[in-house]
N, C-alpha and C. Protein backbone atom coordinates (compact mmCIF):
# COMPACT_ATOMS: atom_id res chain seq x y z
N MET A 1 64.29 18.20 -74.88
CA MET A 1 65.09 18.78 -73.80
C MET A 1 64.20 19.48 -72.80
N ARG A 2 63.19 20.21 -73.30
CA ARG A 2 62.29 20.92 -72.40
C ARG A 2 61.55 19.94 -71.51
N ALA A 3 61.12 18.81 -72.03
CA ALA A 3 60.40 17.81 -71.24
C ALA A 3 61.28 17.24 -70.16
N ARG A 4 62.60 17.00 -70.44
CA ARG A 4 63.49 16.45 -69.42
C ARG A 4 63.68 17.43 -68.28
N HIS A 5 63.82 18.70 -68.57
CA HIS A 5 63.96 19.69 -67.52
C HIS A 5 62.74 19.75 -66.63
N ILE A 6 61.59 19.63 -67.20
CA ILE A 6 60.35 19.67 -66.42
C ILE A 6 60.29 18.48 -65.48
N ALA A 7 60.71 17.33 -65.88
CA ALA A 7 60.67 16.13 -65.04
C ALA A 7 61.62 16.23 -63.87
N ARG A 8 62.79 16.94 -64.05
CA ARG A 8 63.79 16.99 -63.00
C ARG A 8 63.46 17.95 -61.89
N SER A 9 62.92 19.06 -62.19
CA SER A 9 62.80 20.10 -61.18
C SER A 9 61.51 20.85 -61.33
N ALA A 10 60.81 20.96 -60.21
CA ALA A 10 59.57 21.73 -60.24
C ALA A 10 59.88 23.19 -60.45
N ARG A 11 61.00 23.70 -59.81
CA ARG A 11 61.36 25.12 -59.98
C ARG A 11 61.72 25.39 -61.42
N THR A 12 62.56 24.53 -62.03
CA THR A 12 62.96 24.72 -63.42
C THR A 12 61.77 24.56 -64.33
N GLY A 13 60.92 23.60 -63.99
CA GLY A 13 59.73 23.36 -64.81
C GLY A 13 58.85 24.58 -64.86
N THR A 14 58.71 25.24 -63.70
CA THR A 14 57.88 26.45 -63.67
C THR A 14 58.47 27.54 -64.53
N GLN A 15 59.82 27.68 -64.43
CA GLN A 15 60.48 28.71 -65.23
C GLN A 15 60.34 28.40 -66.70
N LEU A 16 60.46 27.11 -67.09
CA LEU A 16 60.34 26.74 -68.49
C LEU A 16 58.94 27.00 -69.00
N GLU A 17 57.96 26.72 -68.13
CA GLU A 17 56.60 27.00 -68.55
C GLU A 17 56.42 28.49 -68.84
N VAL A 18 57.05 29.31 -68.05
CA VAL A 18 56.97 30.75 -68.29
C VAL A 18 57.68 31.11 -69.57
N ASN A 19 58.89 30.51 -69.79
CA ASN A 19 59.64 30.79 -71.01
C ASN A 19 58.85 30.39 -72.23
N CYS A 20 58.11 29.28 -72.11
CA CYS A 20 57.31 28.85 -73.25
C CYS A 20 56.23 29.86 -73.57
N MET A 21 55.74 30.51 -72.54
CA MET A 21 54.69 31.49 -72.76
C MET A 21 55.22 32.72 -73.48
N TYR A 22 56.49 33.11 -73.18
CA TYR A 22 57.03 34.35 -73.73
C TYR A 22 58.12 34.11 -74.75
N GLY A 23 58.40 32.84 -75.05
CA GLY A 23 59.43 32.55 -76.04
C GLY A 23 60.79 32.88 -75.49
N SER A 24 61.68 33.31 -76.36
CA SER A 24 63.05 33.60 -75.95
C SER A 24 63.21 35.03 -75.51
N ALA A 25 62.16 35.82 -75.62
CA ALA A 25 62.26 37.21 -75.20
C ALA A 25 62.40 37.28 -73.70
N GLU A 26 62.80 38.44 -73.21
CA GLU A 26 62.98 38.62 -71.77
C GLU A 26 61.63 38.47 -71.07
N VAL A 27 61.63 37.73 -69.98
CA VAL A 27 60.40 37.46 -69.24
C VAL A 27 60.02 38.70 -68.44
N PRO A 28 58.78 39.16 -68.56
CA PRO A 28 58.38 40.34 -67.80
C PRO A 28 58.51 40.10 -66.30
N GLN A 29 58.71 41.23 -65.58
CA GLN A 29 58.92 41.17 -64.13
C GLN A 29 57.76 40.48 -63.41
N GLU A 30 56.49 40.82 -63.83
CA GLU A 30 55.34 40.23 -63.14
C GLU A 30 55.25 38.73 -63.37
N ALA A 31 55.73 38.29 -64.54
CA ALA A 31 55.72 36.85 -64.81
C ALA A 31 56.71 36.13 -63.94
N ARG A 32 57.95 36.77 -63.82
CA ARG A 32 58.95 36.15 -62.95
C ARG A 32 58.45 36.10 -61.51
N HIS A 33 57.82 37.16 -61.08
CA HIS A 33 57.29 37.19 -59.71
C HIS A 33 56.23 36.10 -59.51
N PHE A 34 55.39 35.91 -60.49
CA PHE A 34 54.34 34.87 -60.42
C PHE A 34 54.96 33.48 -60.32
N ALA A 35 56.03 33.29 -61.13
CA ALA A 35 56.67 31.97 -61.13
C ALA A 35 57.31 31.68 -59.80
N VAL A 36 58.02 32.68 -59.25
CA VAL A 36 58.70 32.48 -57.96
C VAL A 36 57.68 32.26 -56.86
N THR A 37 56.64 33.10 -56.86
CA THR A 37 55.61 32.98 -55.82
C THR A 37 54.93 31.63 -55.88
N GLU A 38 54.59 31.19 -57.10
CA GLU A 38 53.94 29.89 -57.24
C GLU A 38 54.85 28.78 -56.76
N ASN A 39 56.15 28.90 -57.08
CA ASN A 39 57.09 27.86 -56.67
C ASN A 39 57.24 27.83 -55.15
N GLU A 40 57.30 29.00 -54.52
CA GLU A 40 57.43 29.05 -53.07
C GLU A 40 56.20 28.45 -52.39
N ASP A 41 55.02 28.77 -52.94
CA ASP A 41 53.80 28.18 -52.38
C ASP A 41 53.81 26.67 -52.51
N SER A 42 54.29 26.19 -53.66
CA SER A 42 54.34 24.74 -53.87
C SER A 42 55.29 24.08 -52.89
N MET A 43 56.46 24.73 -52.66
CA MET A 43 57.43 24.15 -51.73
C MET A 43 56.90 24.16 -50.31
N ARG A 44 56.20 25.26 -49.94
CA ARG A 44 55.62 25.31 -48.60
C ARG A 44 54.60 24.19 -48.39
N ARG A 45 53.79 23.97 -49.43
CA ARG A 45 52.81 22.89 -49.32
C ARG A 45 53.51 21.53 -49.20
N THR A 46 54.60 21.38 -49.98
CA THR A 46 55.34 20.11 -49.94
C THR A 46 55.94 19.88 -48.56
N TRP A 47 56.56 20.95 -47.98
CA TRP A 47 57.16 20.81 -46.65
C TRP A 47 56.09 20.55 -45.58
N ALA A 48 54.94 21.22 -45.71
CA ALA A 48 53.86 21.00 -44.74
C ALA A 48 53.36 19.57 -44.79
N LEU A 49 53.19 19.04 -46.00
CA LEU A 49 52.75 17.66 -46.15
C LEU A 49 53.77 16.70 -45.56
N ALA A 50 55.06 16.98 -45.81
CA ALA A 50 56.12 16.12 -45.27
C ALA A 50 56.11 16.14 -43.75
N ALA A 51 55.88 17.34 -43.18
CA ALA A 51 55.85 17.44 -41.72
C ALA A 51 54.69 16.65 -41.14
N ILE A 52 53.53 16.73 -41.78
CA ILE A 52 52.36 15.99 -41.29
C ILE A 52 52.62 14.49 -41.33
N VAL A 53 53.22 14.03 -42.43
CA VAL A 53 53.53 12.60 -42.55
C VAL A 53 54.50 12.17 -41.46
N ALA A 54 55.53 13.01 -41.20
CA ALA A 54 56.54 12.67 -40.19
C ALA A 54 55.91 12.58 -38.80
N VAL A 55 55.03 13.55 -38.46
CA VAL A 55 54.38 13.53 -37.15
C VAL A 55 53.50 12.29 -37.01
N SER A 56 52.78 11.96 -38.08
CA SER A 56 51.91 10.78 -38.04
C SER A 56 52.71 9.52 -37.80
N LEU A 57 53.85 9.41 -38.48
CA LEU A 57 54.70 8.23 -38.29
C LEU A 57 55.25 8.17 -36.88
N THR A 58 55.58 9.34 -36.30
CA THR A 58 56.12 9.38 -34.94
C THR A 58 55.09 8.88 -33.93
N PHE A 59 53.84 9.39 -34.04
CA PHE A 59 52.79 8.95 -33.12
C PHE A 59 52.49 7.47 -33.29
N SER A 60 52.50 6.99 -34.53
CA SER A 60 52.25 5.56 -34.77
C SER A 60 53.31 4.72 -34.11
N SER A 61 54.56 5.17 -34.19
CA SER A 61 55.66 4.43 -33.58
C SER A 61 55.53 4.41 -32.08
N CYS A 62 55.14 5.56 -31.48
CA CYS A 62 54.98 5.62 -30.03
C CYS A 62 53.86 4.68 -29.57
N ALA A 63 52.76 4.70 -30.31
CA ALA A 63 51.65 3.82 -29.94
C ALA A 63 52.05 2.36 -30.02
N TYR A 64 52.84 2.01 -31.03
CA TYR A 64 53.29 0.62 -31.16
C TYR A 64 54.19 0.24 -30.01
N ASP A 65 55.11 1.18 -29.61
CA ASP A 65 56.03 0.87 -28.52
C ASP A 65 55.27 0.62 -27.23
N ARG A 66 54.25 1.43 -26.95
CA ARG A 66 53.51 1.23 -25.71
C ARG A 66 52.77 -0.10 -25.71
N THR A 67 52.21 -0.45 -26.87
CA THR A 67 51.47 -1.71 -26.96
C THR A 67 52.40 -2.90 -26.89
N ASP A 68 53.51 -2.81 -27.58
CA ASP A 68 54.42 -3.94 -27.68
C ASP A 68 55.13 -4.20 -26.37
N SER A 69 55.40 -3.13 -25.59
CA SER A 69 56.15 -3.31 -24.36
C SER A 69 55.33 -3.97 -23.27
N GLY A 70 53.98 -3.94 -23.41
CA GLY A 70 53.12 -4.54 -22.39
C GLY A 70 52.98 -3.68 -21.17
N ASP A 71 53.50 -2.44 -21.19
CA ASP A 71 53.40 -1.56 -20.05
C ASP A 71 52.09 -0.82 -20.09
N THR A 72 51.15 -1.22 -19.26
CA THR A 72 49.83 -0.58 -19.26
C THR A 72 49.68 0.41 -18.13
N GLY A 73 50.74 0.65 -17.37
CA GLY A 73 50.70 1.69 -16.35
C GLY A 73 49.64 1.42 -15.30
N GLY A 74 48.95 2.50 -14.92
CA GLY A 74 47.95 2.41 -13.87
C GLY A 74 46.69 1.68 -14.29
N ASN A 75 46.55 1.39 -15.59
CA ASN A 75 45.34 0.72 -16.05
C ASN A 75 45.45 -0.80 -15.99
N ALA A 76 46.59 -1.32 -15.53
CA ALA A 76 46.77 -2.77 -15.49
C ALA A 76 45.79 -3.38 -14.49
N PRO A 77 45.10 -4.47 -14.84
CA PRO A 77 44.17 -5.10 -13.91
C PRO A 77 44.90 -5.69 -12.72
N VAL A 78 44.33 -5.53 -11.55
CA VAL A 78 44.95 -6.04 -10.33
C VAL A 78 44.37 -7.40 -10.02
N SER A 79 45.24 -8.39 -9.91
CA SER A 79 44.78 -9.74 -9.61
C SER A 79 44.27 -9.79 -8.18
N PRO A 80 43.15 -10.46 -7.94
CA PRO A 80 42.64 -10.54 -6.58
C PRO A 80 43.60 -11.30 -5.69
N THR A 81 43.77 -10.78 -4.48
CA THR A 81 44.66 -11.42 -3.53
C THR A 81 44.03 -12.71 -3.03
N PRO A 82 44.74 -13.83 -3.15
CA PRO A 82 44.16 -15.09 -2.66
C PRO A 82 43.86 -15.01 -1.18
N THR A 83 42.74 -15.54 -0.78
CA THR A 83 42.37 -15.55 0.62
C THR A 83 42.11 -16.99 1.05
N SER A 84 42.19 -17.21 2.34
CA SER A 84 41.93 -18.55 2.85
C SER A 84 40.43 -18.83 2.78
N PRO A 85 40.04 -20.09 2.60
CA PRO A 85 38.61 -20.42 2.52
C PRO A 85 37.88 -20.02 3.79
N PRO A 86 36.63 -19.54 3.68
CA PRO A 86 35.87 -19.18 4.88
C PRO A 86 35.53 -20.41 5.70
N ALA A 87 35.31 -20.19 6.98
CA ALA A 87 34.90 -21.30 7.84
C ALA A 87 33.56 -21.83 7.38
N LEU A 88 33.38 -23.12 7.43
CA LEU A 88 32.14 -23.73 6.98
C LEU A 88 30.97 -23.24 7.83
N PRO A 89 29.94 -22.64 7.19
CA PRO A 89 28.79 -22.17 7.96
C PRO A 89 27.96 -23.33 8.49
N GLY A 90 27.32 -23.11 9.63
CA GLY A 90 26.42 -24.13 10.18
C GLY A 90 27.12 -25.23 10.95
N THR A 91 28.46 -25.15 11.10
CA THR A 91 29.16 -26.18 11.86
C THR A 91 29.23 -25.74 13.32
N PRO A 92 28.40 -26.27 14.18
CA PRO A 92 28.34 -25.79 15.57
C PRO A 92 29.43 -26.38 16.44
N VAL A 93 29.73 -25.66 17.49
CA VAL A 93 30.62 -26.16 18.52
C VAL A 93 29.77 -26.34 19.77
N LEU A 94 29.47 -27.55 20.12
CA LEU A 94 28.70 -27.81 21.34
C LEU A 94 29.63 -27.71 22.54
N LYS A 95 29.14 -27.08 23.58
CA LYS A 95 29.94 -26.87 24.78
C LYS A 95 29.00 -26.58 25.95
N MET A 96 29.54 -26.43 27.13
CA MET A 96 28.76 -26.02 28.29
C MET A 96 28.80 -24.50 28.39
N GLY A 97 27.66 -23.91 28.77
CA GLY A 97 27.60 -22.46 28.87
C GLY A 97 26.61 -22.01 29.91
N PRO A 98 26.76 -20.77 30.40
CA PRO A 98 25.87 -20.25 31.44
C PRO A 98 24.49 -19.91 30.87
N THR A 99 23.44 -20.26 31.60
CA THR A 99 22.06 -19.93 31.23
C THR A 99 21.29 -19.56 32.49
N THR A 100 20.02 -19.25 32.32
CA THR A 100 19.17 -18.97 33.48
C THR A 100 18.97 -20.20 34.35
N LEU A 101 19.32 -21.36 33.82
CA LEU A 101 19.21 -22.61 34.59
C LEU A 101 20.55 -23.03 35.18
N GLY A 102 21.57 -22.26 34.97
CA GLY A 102 22.91 -22.66 35.34
C GLY A 102 23.67 -23.16 34.12
N GLU A 103 24.71 -23.95 34.32
CA GLU A 103 25.51 -24.48 33.21
C GLU A 103 24.77 -25.63 32.53
N VAL A 104 24.45 -25.43 31.26
CA VAL A 104 23.85 -26.50 30.46
C VAL A 104 24.53 -26.50 29.09
N MET A 105 24.18 -27.46 28.26
CA MET A 105 24.82 -27.55 26.95
C MET A 105 24.25 -26.47 26.02
N VAL A 106 25.19 -25.81 25.29
CA VAL A 106 24.81 -24.74 24.36
C VAL A 106 25.56 -24.94 23.04
N ASP A 107 25.13 -24.18 22.03
CA ASP A 107 25.82 -24.26 20.74
C ASP A 107 26.96 -23.25 20.69
N GLU A 108 27.55 -23.06 19.51
CA GLU A 108 28.72 -22.19 19.39
C GLU A 108 28.40 -20.73 19.69
N GLY A 109 27.13 -20.35 19.57
CA GLY A 109 26.73 -18.97 19.86
C GLY A 109 26.22 -18.79 21.28
N GLY A 110 26.30 -19.83 22.08
CA GLY A 110 25.82 -19.73 23.46
C GLY A 110 24.33 -19.96 23.61
N MET A 111 23.67 -20.40 22.53
CA MET A 111 22.22 -20.65 22.59
C MET A 111 21.96 -22.06 23.14
N THR A 112 21.00 -22.16 24.05
CA THR A 112 20.67 -23.42 24.72
C THR A 112 20.16 -24.45 23.72
N VAL A 113 20.58 -25.70 23.89
CA VAL A 113 20.09 -26.79 23.05
C VAL A 113 19.22 -27.72 23.89
N TYR A 114 18.28 -28.40 23.21
CA TYR A 114 17.28 -29.21 23.90
C TYR A 114 17.14 -30.58 23.22
N VAL A 115 16.63 -31.54 24.00
CA VAL A 115 16.24 -32.83 23.45
C VAL A 115 14.73 -33.00 23.62
N TYR A 116 14.17 -33.90 22.81
CA TYR A 116 12.71 -34.10 22.72
C TYR A 116 12.39 -35.52 23.19
N ASP A 117 11.49 -35.61 24.19
CA ASP A 117 11.15 -36.92 24.75
C ASP A 117 10.58 -37.89 23.73
N LYS A 118 9.94 -37.37 22.69
CA LYS A 118 9.29 -38.25 21.72
C LYS A 118 10.27 -38.82 20.69
N ASP A 119 11.51 -38.35 20.71
CA ASP A 119 12.52 -38.94 19.83
C ASP A 119 13.00 -40.26 20.43
N GLU A 120 13.10 -41.27 19.61
CA GLU A 120 13.60 -42.56 20.07
C GLU A 120 15.13 -42.54 20.03
N VAL A 121 15.74 -42.80 21.18
CA VAL A 121 17.20 -42.76 21.28
C VAL A 121 17.82 -43.78 20.34
N GLY A 122 18.77 -43.35 19.54
CA GLY A 122 19.51 -44.23 18.64
C GLY A 122 18.76 -44.61 17.39
N SER A 123 17.58 -44.04 17.14
CA SER A 123 16.79 -44.43 15.97
C SER A 123 17.37 -43.88 14.66
N GLY A 124 18.17 -42.85 14.75
CA GLY A 124 18.73 -42.24 13.54
C GLY A 124 17.75 -41.34 12.82
N ALA A 125 16.65 -40.95 13.50
CA ALA A 125 15.65 -40.08 12.88
C ALA A 125 15.06 -39.16 13.94
N SER A 126 14.46 -38.06 13.46
CA SER A 126 13.81 -37.10 14.35
C SER A 126 12.30 -37.27 14.26
N SER A 127 11.64 -37.13 15.42
CA SER A 127 10.17 -37.18 15.46
C SER A 127 9.56 -35.79 15.36
N CYS A 128 10.38 -34.76 15.35
CA CYS A 128 9.89 -33.38 15.24
C CYS A 128 9.84 -33.01 13.76
N ARG A 129 8.63 -32.83 13.22
CA ARG A 129 8.47 -32.55 11.80
C ARG A 129 7.48 -31.41 11.59
N ASP A 130 7.48 -30.89 10.39
CA ASP A 130 6.49 -29.89 9.95
C ASP A 130 6.40 -28.72 10.93
N THR A 131 5.19 -28.51 11.54
CA THR A 131 5.02 -27.35 12.42
C THR A 131 5.91 -27.42 13.65
N CYS A 132 6.26 -28.61 14.07
CA CYS A 132 7.16 -28.76 15.22
C CYS A 132 8.50 -28.09 14.94
N LEU A 133 8.99 -28.25 13.71
CA LEU A 133 10.29 -27.67 13.35
C LEU A 133 10.27 -26.15 13.30
N GLN A 134 9.09 -25.56 13.15
CA GLN A 134 9.00 -24.10 13.15
C GLN A 134 9.32 -23.52 14.52
N SER A 135 9.01 -24.25 15.56
CA SER A 135 9.31 -23.80 16.93
C SER A 135 10.62 -24.38 17.44
N TRP A 136 11.01 -25.51 16.89
CA TRP A 136 12.19 -26.22 17.38
C TRP A 136 13.13 -26.55 16.21
N PRO A 137 13.84 -25.58 15.68
CA PRO A 137 14.76 -25.86 14.58
C PRO A 137 15.90 -26.76 15.03
N PRO A 138 16.31 -27.69 14.20
CA PRO A 138 17.38 -28.61 14.58
C PRO A 138 18.74 -27.91 14.63
N VAL A 139 19.59 -28.39 15.49
CA VAL A 139 20.98 -27.93 15.52
C VAL A 139 21.71 -28.74 14.45
N THR A 140 22.21 -28.07 13.42
CA THR A 140 22.78 -28.78 12.27
C THR A 140 24.24 -28.44 12.04
N ALA A 141 24.87 -29.27 11.23
CA ALA A 141 26.25 -29.05 10.80
C ALA A 141 26.33 -29.38 9.32
N VAL A 142 27.33 -28.82 8.64
CA VAL A 142 27.50 -29.13 7.23
C VAL A 142 28.41 -30.34 7.04
N THR A 143 28.97 -30.84 8.11
CA THR A 143 29.80 -32.04 8.03
C THR A 143 29.25 -33.09 9.00
N GLU A 144 29.70 -34.31 8.82
CA GLU A 144 29.28 -35.38 9.72
C GLU A 144 30.17 -35.47 10.95
N ASN A 145 31.17 -34.59 11.04
CA ASN A 145 32.09 -34.61 12.18
C ASN A 145 32.10 -33.25 12.87
N PRO A 146 31.04 -32.90 13.60
CA PRO A 146 30.97 -31.60 14.25
C PRO A 146 32.00 -31.46 15.36
N THR A 147 32.31 -30.22 15.66
CA THR A 147 33.30 -29.93 16.69
C THR A 147 32.62 -29.71 18.03
N VAL A 148 33.20 -30.24 19.08
CA VAL A 148 32.69 -30.02 20.44
C VAL A 148 33.83 -29.48 21.29
N GLN A 149 33.44 -28.89 22.41
CA GLN A 149 34.44 -28.30 23.30
C GLN A 149 34.17 -28.72 24.74
N GLY A 150 35.13 -29.42 25.33
CA GLY A 150 35.03 -29.79 26.74
C GLY A 150 33.95 -30.80 27.07
N LEU A 151 33.51 -31.56 26.11
CA LEU A 151 32.47 -32.57 26.36
C LEU A 151 33.07 -33.95 26.13
N LYS A 152 33.69 -34.50 27.16
CA LYS A 152 34.41 -35.75 27.03
C LYS A 152 33.56 -36.97 27.38
N GLU A 153 32.43 -36.76 28.03
CA GLU A 153 31.62 -37.88 28.50
C GLU A 153 30.43 -38.16 27.60
N VAL A 154 30.34 -37.49 26.47
CA VAL A 154 29.17 -37.65 25.62
C VAL A 154 29.58 -38.19 24.26
N VAL A 155 28.61 -38.79 23.58
CA VAL A 155 28.83 -39.27 22.22
C VAL A 155 28.11 -38.31 21.27
N ILE A 156 28.87 -37.62 20.44
CA ILE A 156 28.31 -36.67 19.48
C ILE A 156 28.28 -37.34 18.11
N ASP A 157 27.13 -37.29 17.47
CA ASP A 157 26.99 -37.88 16.14
C ASP A 157 26.02 -37.01 15.34
N THR A 158 25.66 -37.46 14.14
CA THR A 158 24.70 -36.72 13.32
C THR A 158 23.72 -37.69 12.66
N ILE A 159 22.56 -37.14 12.30
CA ILE A 159 21.57 -37.86 11.49
C ILE A 159 21.17 -36.94 10.34
N PRO A 160 20.61 -37.48 9.26
CA PRO A 160 20.22 -36.61 8.14
C PRO A 160 19.11 -35.64 8.56
N ALA A 161 19.29 -34.36 8.19
CA ALA A 161 18.27 -33.35 8.45
C ALA A 161 17.43 -33.13 7.21
N ALA A 162 16.25 -32.54 7.38
CA ALA A 162 15.33 -32.36 6.26
C ALA A 162 15.89 -31.44 5.19
N ASP A 163 16.78 -30.50 5.57
CA ASP A 163 17.33 -29.55 4.60
C ASP A 163 18.60 -30.05 3.93
N GLY A 164 18.94 -31.31 4.16
CA GLY A 164 20.12 -31.89 3.52
C GLY A 164 21.39 -31.76 4.32
N THR A 165 21.35 -31.04 5.45
CA THR A 165 22.51 -30.94 6.32
C THR A 165 22.48 -32.11 7.31
N HIS A 166 23.22 -31.97 8.40
CA HIS A 166 23.33 -33.05 9.37
C HIS A 166 22.88 -32.54 10.74
N GLN A 167 21.85 -33.15 11.30
CA GLN A 167 21.40 -32.75 12.63
C GLN A 167 22.25 -33.45 13.68
N LEU A 168 22.70 -32.67 14.66
CA LEU A 168 23.53 -33.24 15.70
C LEU A 168 22.72 -34.09 16.66
N THR A 169 23.36 -35.14 17.16
CA THR A 169 22.77 -35.96 18.23
C THR A 169 23.74 -36.01 19.39
N VAL A 170 23.20 -36.07 20.59
CA VAL A 170 23.98 -36.21 21.82
C VAL A 170 23.52 -37.50 22.50
N ASN A 171 24.44 -38.45 22.59
CA ASN A 171 24.11 -39.77 23.14
C ASN A 171 22.90 -40.38 22.44
N GLY A 172 22.84 -40.20 21.13
CA GLY A 172 21.78 -40.79 20.33
C GLY A 172 20.50 -39.97 20.26
N ARG A 173 20.45 -38.80 20.93
CA ARG A 173 19.26 -37.96 20.91
C ARG A 173 19.47 -36.76 19.98
N PRO A 174 18.59 -36.50 19.03
CA PRO A 174 18.70 -35.28 18.23
C PRO A 174 18.54 -34.05 19.13
N VAL A 175 19.28 -32.98 18.81
CA VAL A 175 19.20 -31.75 19.61
C VAL A 175 18.63 -30.61 18.77
N TYR A 176 17.98 -29.66 19.48
CA TYR A 176 17.23 -28.58 18.84
C TYR A 176 17.50 -27.26 19.57
N ARG A 177 17.14 -26.16 18.90
CA ARG A 177 17.06 -24.85 19.55
C ARG A 177 15.57 -24.51 19.73
N TYR A 178 15.32 -23.46 20.53
CA TYR A 178 13.93 -23.03 20.73
C TYR A 178 13.75 -21.63 20.14
N LYS A 179 12.66 -21.42 19.42
CA LYS A 179 12.45 -20.17 18.68
C LYS A 179 12.34 -18.94 19.59
N ASP A 180 11.90 -19.12 20.84
CA ASP A 180 11.73 -17.97 21.74
C ASP A 180 12.98 -17.65 22.54
N ASP A 181 14.03 -18.43 22.37
CA ASP A 181 15.33 -18.06 22.97
C ASP A 181 15.99 -17.05 22.04
N ASN A 182 16.04 -15.80 22.48
CA ASN A 182 16.55 -14.75 21.61
C ASN A 182 18.00 -14.38 21.87
N GLU A 183 18.49 -14.67 23.06
CA GLU A 183 19.85 -14.29 23.42
C GLU A 183 20.56 -15.47 24.07
N PRO A 184 21.90 -15.48 24.01
CA PRO A 184 22.65 -16.52 24.72
C PRO A 184 22.27 -16.51 26.21
N GLY A 185 22.07 -17.69 26.74
CA GLY A 185 21.69 -17.80 28.15
C GLY A 185 20.20 -17.99 28.36
N ASP A 186 19.38 -17.64 27.34
CA ASP A 186 17.94 -17.89 27.47
C ASP A 186 17.68 -19.40 27.49
N ALA A 187 16.67 -19.80 28.27
CA ALA A 187 16.31 -21.23 28.34
C ALA A 187 14.80 -21.36 28.45
N TYR A 188 14.09 -20.60 27.62
CA TYR A 188 12.63 -20.59 27.69
C TYR A 188 12.01 -21.89 27.17
N GLY A 189 12.80 -22.71 26.52
CA GLY A 189 12.26 -23.97 26.01
C GLY A 189 12.25 -25.09 27.04
N GLN A 190 12.89 -24.84 28.20
CA GLN A 190 12.97 -25.88 29.21
C GLN A 190 11.59 -26.30 29.72
N ALA A 191 11.32 -27.63 29.62
CA ALA A 191 10.09 -28.26 30.14
C ALA A 191 8.84 -27.86 29.38
N VAL A 192 8.96 -27.25 28.21
CA VAL A 192 7.78 -26.91 27.42
C VAL A 192 7.04 -28.21 27.07
N GLY A 193 5.75 -28.25 27.40
CA GLY A 193 4.94 -29.44 27.14
C GLY A 193 5.40 -30.65 27.93
N SER A 194 6.30 -30.42 28.88
CA SER A 194 6.88 -31.50 29.70
C SER A 194 7.57 -32.55 28.85
N VAL A 195 8.05 -32.12 27.67
CA VAL A 195 8.75 -33.07 26.79
C VAL A 195 10.06 -32.49 26.23
N TRP A 196 10.37 -31.24 26.57
CA TRP A 196 11.60 -30.62 26.05
C TRP A 196 12.53 -30.29 27.21
N TRP A 197 13.84 -30.72 27.05
CA TRP A 197 14.77 -30.59 28.17
C TRP A 197 16.16 -30.16 27.71
N THR A 198 16.79 -29.42 28.59
CA THR A 198 18.20 -29.08 28.36
C THR A 198 19.06 -30.28 28.76
N LEU A 199 20.38 -30.16 28.53
CA LEU A 199 21.30 -31.27 28.78
C LEU A 199 22.42 -30.84 29.72
N ASP A 200 22.84 -31.77 30.58
CA ASP A 200 24.00 -31.49 31.43
C ASP A 200 25.28 -31.91 30.71
N SER A 201 26.41 -31.82 31.39
CA SER A 201 27.71 -32.07 30.75
C SER A 201 27.89 -33.53 30.34
N ALA A 202 27.08 -34.43 30.90
CA ALA A 202 27.15 -35.85 30.53
C ALA A 202 26.16 -36.19 29.43
N GLY A 203 25.40 -35.19 28.95
CA GLY A 203 24.43 -35.42 27.90
C GLY A 203 23.11 -35.95 28.39
N ASN A 204 22.87 -35.85 29.71
CA ASN A 204 21.60 -36.31 30.28
C ASN A 204 20.59 -35.17 30.34
N PRO A 205 19.31 -35.46 30.12
CA PRO A 205 18.30 -34.40 30.20
C PRO A 205 18.22 -33.81 31.61
N VAL A 206 18.10 -32.47 31.65
CA VAL A 206 17.88 -31.76 32.91
C VAL A 206 16.38 -31.56 33.04
N THR A 207 15.76 -32.20 34.02
CA THR A 207 14.29 -32.23 34.07
C THR A 207 13.69 -31.24 35.06
N THR A 208 14.43 -30.25 35.47
CA THR A 208 13.81 -29.21 36.29
C THR A 208 12.83 -28.43 35.43
N THR A 209 11.84 -27.82 36.09
CA THR A 209 10.77 -27.16 35.35
C THR A 209 10.99 -25.66 35.16
N ALA A 210 12.01 -25.11 35.75
CA ALA A 210 12.23 -23.67 35.62
C ALA A 210 12.54 -23.33 34.17
N GLY A 211 11.94 -22.23 33.71
CA GLY A 211 12.25 -21.73 32.37
C GLY A 211 11.13 -21.97 31.40
N GLY A 212 10.42 -23.06 31.44
CA GLY A 212 9.37 -23.33 30.46
C GLY A 212 8.01 -23.31 31.09
N GLU A 213 7.01 -23.64 30.30
CA GLU A 213 5.64 -23.68 30.78
C GLU A 213 5.07 -25.08 30.59
C-alpha cells in the first residue's frame, strides 16, 4: 500500500517517507515543515520546467509558420526589372555633316570619313594595313546592314575588317577616320599624302587640298 501511494502523488509520497522515518508517532513540526518546503520546491521546479517547454514550443511554432508561409518580408530578393537590349555598339550612321570643308560625309558622331586612293574600288578588301591602320582606323559596323541617313545616291556596303567586324564601303570604297580629328567637324585628314579624301553627298571624293598637308 505504501508503494502505491508513493507512485500516485509526489506530495503524498513525501509525507509517507516522513511517516516511515517516524513510524506511527506524531511527526515533529520541523519534519512536517521540511516535507512541505521540499514539496513546494519540487512543484516550483516542475512548473518552471513546464513553462520553459511551453515557451520553446511556442517559438518553434512561430518559426515554422514564418517559414511555411513563404513570407520573407523585406528580405525577399528583388527580381531585376527586364530592360530592352542596348543598341548595337559600332553600328555607324553615315550622313552629311558640317566640317571645316563644308558639308561632307560623316559618321554617327559627326566625325569626318575618308577614302584612300590606293584602295581598289569594288575589290572587297582594304589596302590600308598595319601601321596605316594606326592613323586611319576603319569605319566599322557590327552588322552587314549599316544605317545611313539622307544618302540616297550612294551604295553602302561592307567588307570584312581585321577585327572581325564589318568595314563600311561607299560606292565600293572602304571608308576610314583620321586619328588627328579630335572633334566633330575636324577634317585634318583631307588630302594627306595627296591620297586621302572626304566624300560629297554622292559618295565622290572631294579633292580640294584644304585641311590636310
